Amino acid sequence: MASLNPALEDVRFCPRCAAEAEVRFPRSLTCGGCGYQALRSPEPVAATIPRDADGRIWLLRRAQHEGARRWTFPGGYVELGETVEDGARRETREELEIEIELSGLVGVLVSITP
């Protein structure tokens, strides 16, 4: 099977301090020496709008990052080798601990940073 990210296969050392780092290919690199962390993930993000049997929408409150303490839909980065649909299901399972059935696409948004 072909590698999902050949450029990162042989990465073993921290780019900041050159110490040997813990690598969880293809997803992340963590350096025990200086604390540097890198998440190697593609840019696509998938989110869902889960509803219960009565049609009520489920939200969650973010615990970390720039959205801390704000209400939002479950979602996050689609990982290497993962379909958008599988990423949406995984993120919902990780964040709300529920299994979902996808029924359709609501929209696609593109963010362009200058």
PDB file of N, CA and C in Angstrom:
ATOM      1  N   MET A   1       0.843  -1.182   0.000  1.00  0.00           N
ATOM      2  CA  MET A   1       0.000   0.000   0.000  1.00  0.00           C
ATOM      3  C   MET A   1       0.887   1.245   0.000  1.00  0.00           C
ATOM      4  N   ALA A   2       0.523   2.212  -0.807  1.00  0.00           N
ATOM      5  CA  ALA A   2       1.290   3.454  -0.899  1.00  0.00           C
ATOM      6  C   ALA A   2       1.116   4.275   0.375  1.00  0.00           C
ATOM      7  N   SER A   3       2.151   5.000   0.726  1.00  0.00           N
ATOM      8  CA  SER A   3       2.114   5.834   1.922  1.00  0.00           C
ATOM      9  C   SER A   3       1.156   7.000   1.735  1.00  0.00           C
ATOM     10  N   LEU A   4       0.495   7.393   2.812  1.00  0.00           N
ATOM     11  CA  LEU A   4      -0.387   8.563   2.770  1.00  0.00           C
ATOM     12  C   LEU A   4       0.405   9.860   2.735  1.00  0.00           C
ATOM     13  N   ASN A   5       1.610   9.842   3.314  1.00  0.00           N
ATOM     14  CA  ASN A   5       2.414  11.055   3.370  1.00  0.00           C
ATOM     15  C   ASN A   5       3.899  10.682   3.383  1.00  0.00           C
ATOM     16  N   PRO A   6       4.471  10.354   2.215  1.00  0.00           N
ATOM     17  CA  PRO A   6       5.847   9.871   2.156  1.00  0.00           C
ATOM     18  C   PRO A   6       6.868  10.858   2.715  1.00  0.00           C
ATOM     19  N   ALA A   7       6.611  12.137   2.613  1.00  0.00           N
ATOM     20  CA  ALA A   7       7.571  13.137   3.091  1.00  0.00           C
ATOM     21  C   ALA A   7       7.764  13.065   4.599  1.00  0.00           C
ATOM     22  N   LEU A   8       6.817  12.520   5.325  1.00  0.00           N
ATOM     23  CA  LEU A   8       6.903  12.485   6.780  1.00  0.00           C
ATOM     24  C   LEU A   8       7.265  11.111   7.330  1.00  0.00           C
ATOM     25  N   GLU A   9       7.411  10.110   6.479  1.00  0.00           N
ATOM     26  CA  GLU A   9       7.668   8.748   6.956  1.00  0.00           C
ATOM     27  C   GLU A   9       8.929   8.636   7.806  1.00  0.00           C
ATOM     28  N   ASP A  10       9.982   9.347   7.427  1.00  0.00           N
ATOM     29  CA  ASP A  10      11.256   9.196   8.121  1.00  0.00           C
ATOM     30  C   ASP A  10      11.507  10.263   9.182  1.00  0.00           C
ATOM     31  N   VAL A  11      10.532  11.094   9.467  1.00  0.00           N
ATOM     32  CA  VAL A  11      10.708  12.130  10.484  1.00  0.00           C
ATOM     33  C   VAL A  11      10.820  11.473  11.850  1.00  0.00           C
ATOM     34  N   ARG A  12      11.918  11.765  12.569  1.00  0.00           N
ATOM     35  CA  ARG A  12      12.117  11.188  13.898  1.00  0.00           C
ATOM     36  C   ARG A  12      12.620  12.217  14.901  1.00  0.00           C
ATOM     37  N   PHE A  13      13.010  13.390  14.414  1.00  0.00           N
ATOM     38  CA  PHE A  13      13.646  14.365  15.293  1.00  0.00           C
ATOM     39  C   PHE A  13      12.877  15.675  15.320  1.00  0.00           C
ATOM     40  N   CYS A  14      12.946  16.342  16.447  1.00  0.00           N
ATOM     41  CA  CYS A  14      12.263  17.620  16.649  1.00  0.00           C
ATOM     42  C   CYS A  14      12.887  18.692  15.751  1.00  0.00           C
ATOM     43  N   PRO A  15      12.070  19.438  15.012  1.00  0.00           N
ATOM     44  CA  PRO A  15      12.614  20.496  14.173  1.00  0.00           C
ATOM     45  C   PRO A  15      13.117  21.701  14.980  1.00  0.00           C
ATOM     46  N   ARG A  16      12.736  21.780  16.240  1.00  0.00           N
ATOM     47  CA  ARG A  16      13.148  22.900  17.082  1.00  0.00           C
ATOM     48  C   ARG A  16      14.461  22.634  17.814  1.00  0.00           C
ATOM     49  N   CYS A  17      14.601  21.445  18.450  1.00  0.00           N
ATOM     50  CA  CYS A  17      15.795  21.197  19.273  1.00  0.00           C
ATOM     51  C   CYS A  17      16.611  19.992  18.819  1.00  0.00           C
ATOM     52  N   ALA A  18      16.149  19.260  17.816  1.00  0.00           N
ATOM     53  CA  ALA A  18      16.826  18.104  17.230  1.00  0.00           C
ATOM     54  C   ALA A  18      16.837  16.854  18.117  1.00  0.00           C
ATOM     55  N   ALA A  19      16.124  16.873  19.235  1.00  0.00           N
ATOM     56  CA  ALA A  19      16.016  15.672  20.075  1.00  0.00           C
ATOM     57  C   ALA A  19      15.127  14.649  19.366  1.00  0.00           C
ATOM     58  N   GLU A  20      15.326  13.379  19.695  1.00  0.00           N
ATOM     59  CA  GLU A  20      14.447  12.360  19.122  1.00  0.00           C
ATOM     60  C   GLU A  20      13.041  12.588  19.661  1.00  0.00           C
ATOM     61  N   ALA A  21      12.068  12.527  18.774  1.00  0.00           N
ATOM     62  CA  ALA A  21      10.691  12.859  19.138  1.00  0.00           C
ATOM     63  C   ALA A  21       9.797  11.637  18.999  1.00  0.00           C
ATOM     64  N   GLU A  22       8.667  11.670  19.675  1.00  0.00           N
ATOM     65  CA  GLU A  22       7.654  10.627  19.533  1.00  0.00           C
ATOM     66  C   GLU A  22       6.807  10.974  18.317  1.00  0.00           C
ATOM     67  N   VAL A  23       6.744  10.060  17.366  1.00  0.00           N
ATOM     68  CA  VAL A  23       5.989  10.302  16.145  1.00  0.00           C
ATOM     69  C   VAL A  23       4.866   9.289  16.057  1.00  0.00           C
ATOM     70  N   ARG A  24       3.686   9.772  15.854  1.00  0.00           N
ATOM     71  CA  ARG A  24       2.525   8.909  15.611  1.00  0.00           C
ATOM     72  C   ARG A  24       2.125   9.136  14.164  1.00  0.00           C
ATOM     73  N   PHE A  25       2.842   8.474  13.262  1.00  0.00           N
ATOM     74  CA  PHE A  25       2.645   8.685  11.839  1.00  0.00           C
ATOM     75  C   PHE A  25       1.245   8.270  11.430  1.00  0.00           C
ATOM     76  N   PRO A  26       0.587   8.993  10.573  1.00  0.00           N
ATOM     77  CA  PRO A  26       1.029  10.231   9.963  1.00  0.00           C
ATOM     78  C   PRO A  26       0.526  11.465  10.692  1.00  0.00           C
ATOM     79  N   ARG A  27       0.049  11.317  11.912  1.00  0.00           N
ATOM     80  CA  ARG A  27      -0.700  12.395  12.520  1.00  0.00           C
ATOM     81  C   ARG A  27       0.091  13.407  13.325  1.00  0.00           C
ATOM     82  N   SER A  28       1.020  12.999  14.193  1.00  0.00           N
ATOM     83  CA  SER A  28       1.599  13.994  15.087  1.00  0.00           C
ATOM     84  C   SER A  28       3.044  13.707  15.455  1.00  0.00           C
ATOM     85  N   LEU A  29       3.711  14.752  15.948  1.00  0.00           N
ATOM     86  CA  LEU A  29       5.078  14.666  16.442  1.00  0.00           C
ATOM     87  C   LEU A  29       5.112  15.420  17.771  1.00  0.00           C
ATOM     88  N   THR A  30       5.668  14.780  18.812  1.00  0.00           N
ATOM     89  CA  THR A  30       5.772  15.399  20.121  1.00  0.00           C
ATOM     90  C   THR A  30       7.193  15.228  20.632  1.00  0.00           C
ATOM     91  N   CYS A  31       7.811  16.335  21.069  1.00  0.00           N
ATOM     92  CA  CYS A  31       9.179  16.294  21.578  1.00  0.00           C
ATOM     93  C   CYS A  31       9.164  16.335  23.098  1.00  0.00           C
ATOM     94  N   GLY A  32       9.729  15.289  23.721  1.00  0.00           N
ATOM     95  CA  GLY A  32       9.836  15.256  25.176  1.00  0.00           C
ATOM     96  C   GLY A  32      10.906  16.194  25.691  1.00  0.00           C
ATOM     97  N   GLY A  33      11.844  16.583  24.829  1.00  0.00           N
ATOM     98  CA  GLY A  33      12.933  17.465  25.236  1.00  0.00           C
ATOM     99  C   GLY A  33      12.507  18.905  25.441  1.00  0.00           C
ATOM    100  N   CYS A  34      11.860  19.489  24.437  1.00  0.00           N
ATOM    101  CA  CYS A  34      11.501  20.915  24.527  1.00  0.00           C
ATOM    102  C   CYS A  34       9.996  21.156  24.569  1.00  0.00           C
ATOM    103  N   GLY A  35       9.191  20.096  24.382  1.00  0.00           N
ATOM    104  CA  GLY A  35       7.744  20.247  24.449  1.00  0.00           C
ATOM    105  C   GLY A  35       7.081  20.618  23.132  1.00  0.00           C
ATOM    106  N   TYR A  36       7.857  20.741  22.061  1.00  0.00           N
ATOM    107  CA  TYR A  36       7.306  21.085  20.750  1.00  0.00           C
ATOM    108  C   TYR A  36       6.297  20.028  20.316  1.00  0.00           C
ATOM    109  N   GLN A  37       5.188  20.480  19.728  1.00  0.00           N
ATOM    110  CA  GLN A  37       4.180  19.567  19.199  1.00  0.00           C
ATOM    111  C   GLN A  37       3.766  20.031  17.812  1.00  0.00           C
ATOM    112  N   ALA A  38       3.593  19.099  16.925  1.00  0.00           N
ATOM    113  CA  ALA A  38       3.118  19.403  15.578  1.00  0.00           C
ATOM    114  C   ALA A  38       2.046  18.398  15.212  1.00  0.00           C
ATOM    115  N   LEU A  39       0.926  18.901  14.752  1.00  0.00           N
ATOM    116  CA  LEU A  39      -0.158  18.052  14.272  1.00  0.00           C
ATOM    117  C   LEU A  39      -0.141  18.113  12.762  1.00  0.00           C
ATOM    118  N   ARG A  40       0.138  17.001  12.135  1.00  0.00           N
ATOM    119  CA  ARG A  40       0.196  16.952  10.686  1.00  0.00           C
ATOM    120  C   ARG A  40      -1.144  16.426  10.188  1.00  0.00           C
ATOM    121  N   SER A  41      -1.974  17.340   9.819  1.00  0.00           N
ATOM    122  CA  SER A  41      -3.314  16.992   9.402  1.00  0.00           C
ATOM    123  C   SER A  41      -3.671  17.826   8.184  1.00  0.00           C
ATOM    124  N   PRO A  42      -4.440  17.281   7.280  1.00  0.00           N
ATOM    125  CA  PRO A  42      -4.872  18.090   6.143  1.00  0.00           C
ATOM    126  C   PRO A  42      -5.788  19.208   6.609  1.00  0.00           C
ATOM    127  N   GLU A  43      -6.078  20.133   5.769  1.00  0.00           N
ATOM    128  CA  GLU A  43      -6.889  21.286   6.119  1.00  0.00           C
ATOM    129  C   GLU A  43      -8.399  21.052   6.158  1.00  0.00           C
ATOM    130  N   PRO A  44      -8.960  20.084   5.427  1.00  0.00           N
ATOM    131  CA  PRO A  44     -10.418  19.949   5.440  1.00  0.00           C
ATOM    132  C   PRO A  44     -10.958  19.676   6.843  1.00  0.00           C
ATOM    133  N   VAL A  45     -12.090  20.272   7.120  1.00  0.00           N
ATOM    134  CA  VAL A  45     -12.781  20.090   8.391  1.00  0.00           C
ATOM    135  C   VAL A  45     -14.172  19.560   8.083  1.00  0.00           C
ATOM    136  N   ALA A  46     -14.648  18.637   8.883  1.00  0.00           N
ATOM    137  CA  ALA A  46     -15.999  18.107   8.739  1.00  0.00           C
ATOM    138  C   ALA A  46     -16.755  18.361  10.034  1.00  0.00           C
ATOM    139  N   ALA A  47     -18.007  18.742   9.911  1.00  0.00           N
ATOM    140  CA  ALA A  47     -18.862  18.964  11.078  1.00  0.00           C
ATOM    141  C   ALA A  47     -20.226  18.344  10.798  1.00  0.00           C
ATOM    142  N   THR A  48     -20.943  18.047  11.858  1.00  0.00           N
ATOM    143  CA  THR A  48     -22.286  17.491  11.709  1.00  0.00           C
ATOM    144  C   THR A  48     -23.278  18.340  12.498  1.00  0.00           C
ATOM    145  N   ILE A  49     -24.543  18.170  12.175  1.00  0.00           N
ATOM    146  CA  ILE A  49     -25.628  18.806  12.918  1.00  0.00           C
ATOM    147  C   ILE A  49     -26.522  17.672  13.422  1.00  0.00           C
ATOM    148  N   PRO A  50     -26.109  17.032  14.525  1.00  0.00           N
ATOM    149  CA  PRO A  50     -26.875  15.879  15.005  1.00  0.00           C
ATOM    150  C   PRO A  50     -28.223  16.290  15.600  1.00  0.00           C
ATOM    151  N   ARG A  51     -29.242  15.476  15.298  1.00  0.00           N
ATOM    152  CA  ARG A  51     -30.585  15.702  15.839  1.00  0.00           C
ATOM    153  C   ARG A  51     -31.077  14.425  16.497  1.00  0.00           C
ATOM    154  N   ASP A  52     -31.864  14.593  17.554  1.00  0.00           N
ATOM    155  CA  ASP A  52     -32.442  13.414  18.194  1.00  0.00           C
ATOM    156  C   ASP A  52     -33.767  13.065  17.510  1.00  0.00           C
ATOM    157  N   ALA A  53     -34.447  12.053  18.011  1.00  0.00           N
ATOM    158  CA  ALA A  53     -35.688  11.574  17.395  1.00  0.00           C
ATOM    159  C   ALA A  53     -36.778  12.639  17.358  1.00  0.00           C
ATOM    160  N   ASP A  54     -36.716  13.618  18.270  1.00  0.00           N
ATOM    161  CA  ASP A  54     -37.706  14.694  18.298  1.00  0.00           C
ATOM    162  C   ASP A  54     -37.284  15.897  17.464  1.00  0.00           C
ATOM    163  N   GLY A  55     -36.150  15.796  16.761  1.00  0.00           N
ATOM    164  CA  GLY A  55     -35.690  16.887  15.905  1.00  0.00           C
ATOM    165  C   GLY A  55     -34.854  17.938  16.612  1.00  0.00           C
ATOM    166  N   ARG A  56     -34.582  17.731  17.915  1.00  0.00           N
ATOM    167  CA  ARG A  56     -33.765  18.697  18.644  1.00  0.00           C
ATOM    168  C   ARG A  56     -32.303  18.552  18.221  1.00  0.00           C
ATOM    169  N   ILE A  57     -31.635  19.685  18.018  1.00  0.00           N
ATOM    170  CA  ILE A  57     -30.228  19.700  17.608  1.00  0.00           C
ATOM    171  C   ILE A  57     -29.338  19.591  18.832  1.00  0.00           C
ATOM    172  N   TRP A  58     -28.281  18.778  18.723  1.00  0.00           N
ATOM    173  CA  TRP A  58     -27.306  18.592  19.800  1.00  0.00           C
ATOM    174  C   TRP A  58     -26.101  19.479  19.534  1.00  0.00           C
ATOM    175  N   LEU A  59     -25.698  20.232  20.515  1.00  0.00           N
ATOM    176  CA  LEU A  59     -24.498  21.066  20.444  1.00  0.00           C
ATOM    177  C   LEU A  59     -23.539  20.637  21.545  1.00  0.00           C
ATOM    178  N   LEU A  60     -22.322  21.129  21.470  1.00  0.00           N
ATOM    179  CA  LEU A  60     -21.360  20.893  22.538  1.00  0.00           C
ATOM    180  C   LEU A  60     -20.650  22.190  22.835  1.00  0.00           C
ATOM    181  N   ARG A  61     -20.054  22.258  24.003  1.00  0.00           N
ATOM    182  CA  ARG A  61     -19.302  23.447  24.390  1.00  0.00           C
ATOM    183  C   ARG A  61     -17.818  23.119  24.288  1.00  0.00           C
ATOM    184  N   ARG A  62     -17.101  23.880  23.480  1.00  0.00           N
ATOM    185  CA  ARG A  62     -15.664  23.665  23.286  1.00  0.00           C
ATOM    186  C   ARG A  62     -14.908  23.890  24.588  1.00  0.00           C
ATOM    187  N   ALA A  63     -13.917  23.035  24.837  1.00  0.00           N
ATOM    188  CA  ALA A  63     -13.129  23.129  26.071  1.00  0.00           C
ATOM    189  C   ALA A  63     -11.787  23.809  25.839  1.00  0.00           C
ATOM    190  N   GLN A  64     -11.291  23.798  24.606  1.00  0.00           N
ATOM    191  CA  GLN A  64      -9.948  24.301  24.338  1.00  0.00           C
ATOM    192  C   GLN A  64      -9.939  25.199  23.106  1.00  0.00           C
ATOM    193  N   HIS A  65      -8.768  25.770  22.853  1.00  0.00           N
ATOM    194  CA  HIS A  65      -8.479  26.549  21.653  1.00  0.00           C
ATOM    195  C   HIS A  65      -9.267  27.850  21.608  1.00  0.00           C
ATOM    196  N   GLU A  66      -9.317  28.454  20.419  1.00  0.00           N
ATOM    197  CA  GLU A  66      -9.931  29.770  20.293  1.00  0.00           C
ATOM    198  C   GLU A  66     -11.436  29.768  20.543  1.00  0.00           C
ATOM    199  N   GLY A  67     -12.073  28.638  20.436  1.00  0.00           N
ATOM    200  CA  GLY A  67     -13.509  28.568  20.662  1.00  0.00           C
ATOM    201  C   GLY A  67     -13.885  28.121  22.063  1.00  0.00           C
ATOM    202  N   ALA A  68     -12.963  28.163  22.991  1.00  0.00           N
ATOM    203  CA  ALA A  68     -13.224  27.675  24.351  1.00  0.00           C
ATOM    204  C   ALA A  68     -14.467  28.328  24.946  1.00  0.00           C
ATOM    205  N   ARG A  69     -15.296  27.489  25.550  1.00  0.00           N
ATOM    206  CA  ARG A  69     -16.528  27.855  26.245  1.00  0.00           C
ATOM    207  C   ARG A  69     -17.656  28.291  25.303  1.00  0.00           C
ATOM    208  N   ARG A  70     -17.470  28.167  24.019  1.00  0.00           N
ATOM    209  CA  ARG A  70     -18.527  28.530  23.067  1.00  0.00           C
ATOM    210  C   ARG A  70     -19.261  27.282  22.590  1.00  0.00           C
ATOM    211  N   TRP A  71     -20.545  27.441  22.315  1.00  0.00           N
ATOM    212  CA  TRP A  71     -21.362  26.338  21.812  1.00  0.00           C
ATOM    213  C   TRP A  71     -21.118  26.161  20.326  1.00  0.00           C
ATOM    214  N   THR A  72     -21.083  24.911  19.875  1.00  0.00           N
ATOM    215  CA  THR A  72     -20.828  24.627  18.466  1.00  0.00           C
ATOM    216  C   THR A  72     -21.321  23.226  18.106  1.00  0.00           C
ATOM    217  N   PHE A  73     -21.278  22.939  16.826  1.00  0.00           N
ATOM    218  CA  PHE A  73     -21.568  21.597  16.339  1.00  0.00           C
ATOM    219  C   PHE A  73     -20.320  20.737  16.510  1.00  0.00           C
ATOM    220  N   PRO A  74     -20.455  19.413  16.617  1.00  0.00           N
ATOM    221  CA  PRO A  74     -19.264  18.564  16.651  1.00  0.00           C
ATOM    222  C   PRO A  74     -18.560  18.597  15.296  1.00  0.00           C
ATOM    223  N   GLY A  75     -17.243  18.634  15.338  1.00  0.00           N
ATOM    224  CA  GLY A  75     -16.493  18.645  14.088  1.00  0.00           C
ATOM    225  C   GLY A  75     -15.015  18.819  14.339  1.00  0.00           C
ATOM    226  N   GLY A  76     -14.243  18.638  13.296  1.00  0.00           N
ATOM    227  CA  GLY A  76     -12.799  18.798  13.393  1.00  0.00           C
ATOM    228  C   GLY A  76     -12.132  18.402  12.101  1.00  0.00           C
ATOM    229  N   TYR A  77     -10.809  18.325  12.146  1.00  0.00           N
ATOM    230  CA  TYR A  77     -10.026  18.021  10.948  1.00  0.00           C
ATOM    231  C   TYR A  77     -10.285  16.615  10.435  1.00  0.00           C
ATOM    232  N   VAL A  78     -10.363  16.496   9.116  1.00  0.00           N
ATOM    233  CA  VAL A  78     -10.404  15.208   8.446  1.00  0.00           C
ATOM    234  C   VAL A  78      -8.962  14.727   8.380  1.00  0.00           C
ATOM    235  N   GLU A  79      -8.703  13.507   8.822  1.00  0.00           N
ATOM    236  CA  GLU A  79      -7.343  12.988   8.878  1.00  0.00           C
ATOM    237  C   GLU A  79      -6.906  12.395   7.542  1.00  0.00           C
ATOM    238  N   LEU A  80      -5.596  12.261   7.369  1.00  0.00           N
ATOM    239  CA  LEU A  80      -5.046  11.677   6.149  1.00  0.00           C
ATOM    240  C   LEU A  80      -5.637  10.299   5.903  1.00  0.00           C
ATOM    241  N   GLY A  81      -6.089  10.056   4.679  1.00  0.00           N
ATOM    242  CA  GLY A  81      -6.632   8.760   4.311  1.00  0.00           C
ATOM    243  C   GLY A  81      -8.085   8.556   4.705  1.00  0.00           C
ATOM    244  N   GLU A  82      -8.703   9.560   5.275  1.00  0.00           N
ATOM    245  CA  GLU A  82     -10.076   9.466   5.771  1.00  0.00           C
ATOM    246  C   GLU A  82     -10.998  10.235   4.821  1.00  0.00           C
ATOM    247  N   THR A  83     -12.185   9.707   4.560  1.00  0.00           N
ATOM    248  CA  THR A  83     -13.158  10.458   3.769  1.00  0.00           C
ATOM    249  C   THR A  83     -13.777  11.541   4.647  1.00  0.00           C
ATOM    250  N   VAL A  84     -14.370  12.537   4.025  1.00  0.00           N
ATOM    251  CA  VAL A  84     -15.039  13.598   4.782  1.00  0.00           C
ATOM    252  C   VAL A  84     -16.160  12.995   5.628  1.00  0.00           C
ATOM    253  N   GLU A  85     -16.887  12.045   5.049  1.00  0.00           N
ATOM    254  CA  GLU A  85     -17.978  11.407   5.779  1.00  0.00           C
ATOM    255  C   GLU A  85     -17.472  10.660   7.007  1.00  0.00           C
ATOM    256  N   ASP A  86     -16.381   9.899   6.833  1.00  0.00           N
ATOM    257  CA  ASP A  86     -15.811   9.168   7.966  1.00  0.00           C
ATOM    258  C   ASP A  86     -15.279  10.128   9.020  1.00  0.00           C
ATOM    259  N   GLY A  87     -14.682  11.248   8.588  1.00  0.00           N
ATOM    260  CA  GLY A  87     -14.201  12.258   9.532  1.00  0.00           C
ATOM    261  C   GLY A  87     -15.341  12.857  10.327  1.00  0.00           C
ATOM    262  N   ALA A  88     -16.457  13.132   9.665  1.00  0.00           N
ATOM    263  CA  ALA A  88     -17.625  13.694  10.353  1.00  0.00           C
ATOM    264  C   ALA A  88     -18.165  12.715  11.394  1.00  0.00           C
ATOM    265  N   ARG A  89     -18.255  11.444  11.029  1.00  0.00           N
ATOM    266  CA  ARG A  89     -18.730  10.431  11.984  1.00  0.00           C
ATOM    267  C   ARG A  89     -17.769  10.296  13.164  1.00  0.00           C
ATOM    268  N   ARG A  90     -16.456  10.245  12.879  1.00  0.00           N
ATOM    269  CA  ARG A  90     -15.456  10.076  13.937  1.00  0.00           C
ATOM    270  C   ARG A  90     -15.467  11.260  14.893  1.00  0.00           C
ATOM    271  N   GLU A  91     -15.486  12.480  14.361  1.00  0.00           N
ATOM    272  CA  GLU A  91     -15.487  13.659  15.225  1.00  0.00           C
ATOM    273  C   GLU A  91     -16.726  13.686  16.115  1.00  0.00           C
ATOM    274  N   THR A  92     -17.881  13.329  15.572  1.00  0.00           N
ATOM    275  CA  THR A  92     -19.113  13.303  16.364  1.00  0.00           C
ATOM    276  C   THR A  92     -19.033  12.233  17.443  1.00  0.00           C
ATOM    277  N   ARG A  93     -18.497  11.067  17.086  1.00  0.00           N
ATOM    278  CA  ARG A  93     -18.320   9.975  18.063  1.00  0.00           C
ATOM    279  C   ARG A  93     -17.353  10.398  19.172  1.00  0.00           C
ATOM    280  N   GLU A  94     -16.244  11.049  18.807  1.00  0.00           N
ATOM    281  CA  GLU A  94     -15.260  11.477  19.793  1.00  0.00           C
ATOM    282  C   GLU A  94     -15.801  12.577  20.716  1.00  0.00           C
ATOM    283  N   GLU A  95     -16.556  13.493  20.159  1.00  0.00           N
ATOM    284  CA  GLU A  95     -16.981  14.661  20.933  1.00  0.00           C
ATOM    285  C   GLU A  95     -18.299  14.489  21.669  1.00  0.00           C
ATOM    286  N   LEU A  96     -19.229  13.720  21.114  1.00  0.00           N
ATOM    287  CA  LEU A  96     -20.531  13.534  21.763  1.00  0.00           C
ATOM    288  C   LEU A  96     -20.771  12.092  22.217  1.00  0.00           C
ATOM    289  N   GLU A  97     -19.857  11.186  21.840  1.00  0.00           N
ATOM    290  CA  GLU A  97     -19.982   9.776  22.195  1.00  0.00           C
ATOM    291  C   GLU A  97     -21.299   9.173  21.708  1.00  0.00           C
ATOM    292  N   ILE A  98     -21.660   9.529  20.468  1.00  0.00           N
ATOM    293  CA  ILE A  98     -22.838   8.947  19.835  1.00  0.00           C
ATOM    294  C   ILE A  98     -22.478   8.530  18.415  1.00  0.00           C
ATOM    295  N   GLU A  99     -23.196   7.556  17.896  1.00  0.00           N
ATOM    296  CA  GLU A  99     -23.056   7.145  16.499  1.00  0.00           C
ATOM    297  C   GLU A  99     -24.135   7.866  15.706  1.00  0.00           C
ATOM    298  N   ILE A 100     -23.784   8.312  14.512  1.00  0.00           N
ATOM    299  CA  ILE A 100     -24.747   9.040  13.691  1.00  0.00           C
ATOM    300  C   ILE A 100     -24.885   8.409  12.323  1.00  0.00           C
ATOM    301  N   GLU A 101     -25.993   8.695  11.668  1.00  0.00           N
ATOM    302  CA  GLU A 101     -26.214   8.320  10.286  1.00  0.00           C
ATOM    303  C   GLU A 101     -26.289   9.625   9.499  1.00  0.00           C
ATOM    304  N   LEU A 102     -25.456   9.753   8.491  1.00  0.00           N
ATOM    305  CA  LEU A 102     -25.453  10.974   7.686  1.00  0.00           C
ATOM    306  C   LEU A 102     -26.599  10.926   6.696  1.00  0.00           C
ATOM    307  N   SER A 103     -27.319  12.052   6.574  1.00  0.00           N
ATOM    308  CA  SER A 103     -28.465  12.070   5.675  1.00  0.00           C
ATOM    309  C   SER A 103     -28.292  13.023   4.507  1.00  0.00           C
ATOM    310  N   GLY A 104     -27.271  13.847   4.507  1.00  0.00           N
ATOM    311  CA  GLY A 104     -27.076  14.744   3.380  1.00  0.00           C
ATOM    312  C   GLY A 104     -26.083  15.839   3.695  1.00  0.00           C
ATOM    313  N   LEU A 105     -25.661  16.509   2.655  1.00  0.00           N
ATOM    314  CA  LEU A 105     -24.707  17.604   2.769  1.00  0.00           C
ATOM    315  C   LEU A 105     -25.454  18.917   2.927  1.00  0.00           C
ATOM    316  N   VAL A 106     -25.091  19.689   3.946  1.00  0.00           N
ATOM    317  CA  VAL A 106     -25.718  20.993   4.163  1.00  0.00           C
ATOM    318  C   VAL A 106     -24.996  22.065   3.363  1.00  0.00           C
ATOM    319  N   GLY A 107     -23.668  22.019   3.341  1.00  0.00           N
ATOM    320  CA  GLY A 107     -22.930  23.022   2.596  1.00  0.00           C
ATOM    321  C   GLY A 107     -21.444  22.810   2.645  1.00  0.00           C
ATOM    322  N   VAL A 108     -20.750  23.548   1.804  1.00  0.00           N
ATOM    323  CA  VAL A 108     -19.294  23.538   1.767  1.00  0.00           C
ATOM    324  C   VAL A 108     -18.837  24.981   1.866  1.00  0.00           C
ATOM    325  N   LEU A 109     -17.982  25.264   2.818  1.00  0.00           N
ATOM    326  CA  LEU A 109     -17.445  26.608   3.006  1.00  0.00           C
ATOM    327  C   LEU A 109     -15.966  26.599   2.727  1.00  0.00           C
ATOM    328  N   VAL A 110     -15.475  27.649   2.121  1.00  0.00           N
ATOM    329  CA  VAL A 110     -14.056  27.765   1.821  1.00  0.00           C
ATOM    330  C   VAL A 110     -13.531  29.021   2.489  1.00  0.00           C
ATOM    331  N   SER A 111     -12.459  28.871   3.247  1.00  0.00           N
ATOM    332  CA  SER A 111     -11.819  29.991   3.906  1.00  0.00           C
ATOM    333  C   SER A 111     -10.460  30.228   3.253  1.00  0.00           C
ATOM    334  N   ILE A 112     -10.226  31.424   2.785  1.00  0.00           N
ATOM    335  CA  ILE A 112      -8.961  31.740   2.123  1.00  0.00           C
ATOM    336  C   ILE A 112      -8.233  32.763   2.971  1.00  0.00           C
ATOM    337  N   THR A 113      -7.006  32.393   3.363  1.00  0.00           N
ATOM    338  CA  THR A 113      -6.177  33.280   4.170  1.00  0.00           C
ATOM    339  C   THR A 113      -5.154  33.955   3.251  1.00  0.00           C
ATOM    340  N   PRO A 114      -5.100  35.284   3.275  1.00  0.00           N
ATOM    341  CA  PRO A 114      -4.148  35.972   2.398  1.00  0.00           C
ATOM    342  C   PRO A 114      -2.719  35.745   2.831  1.00  0.00           C
TER     343      PRO A 114
END
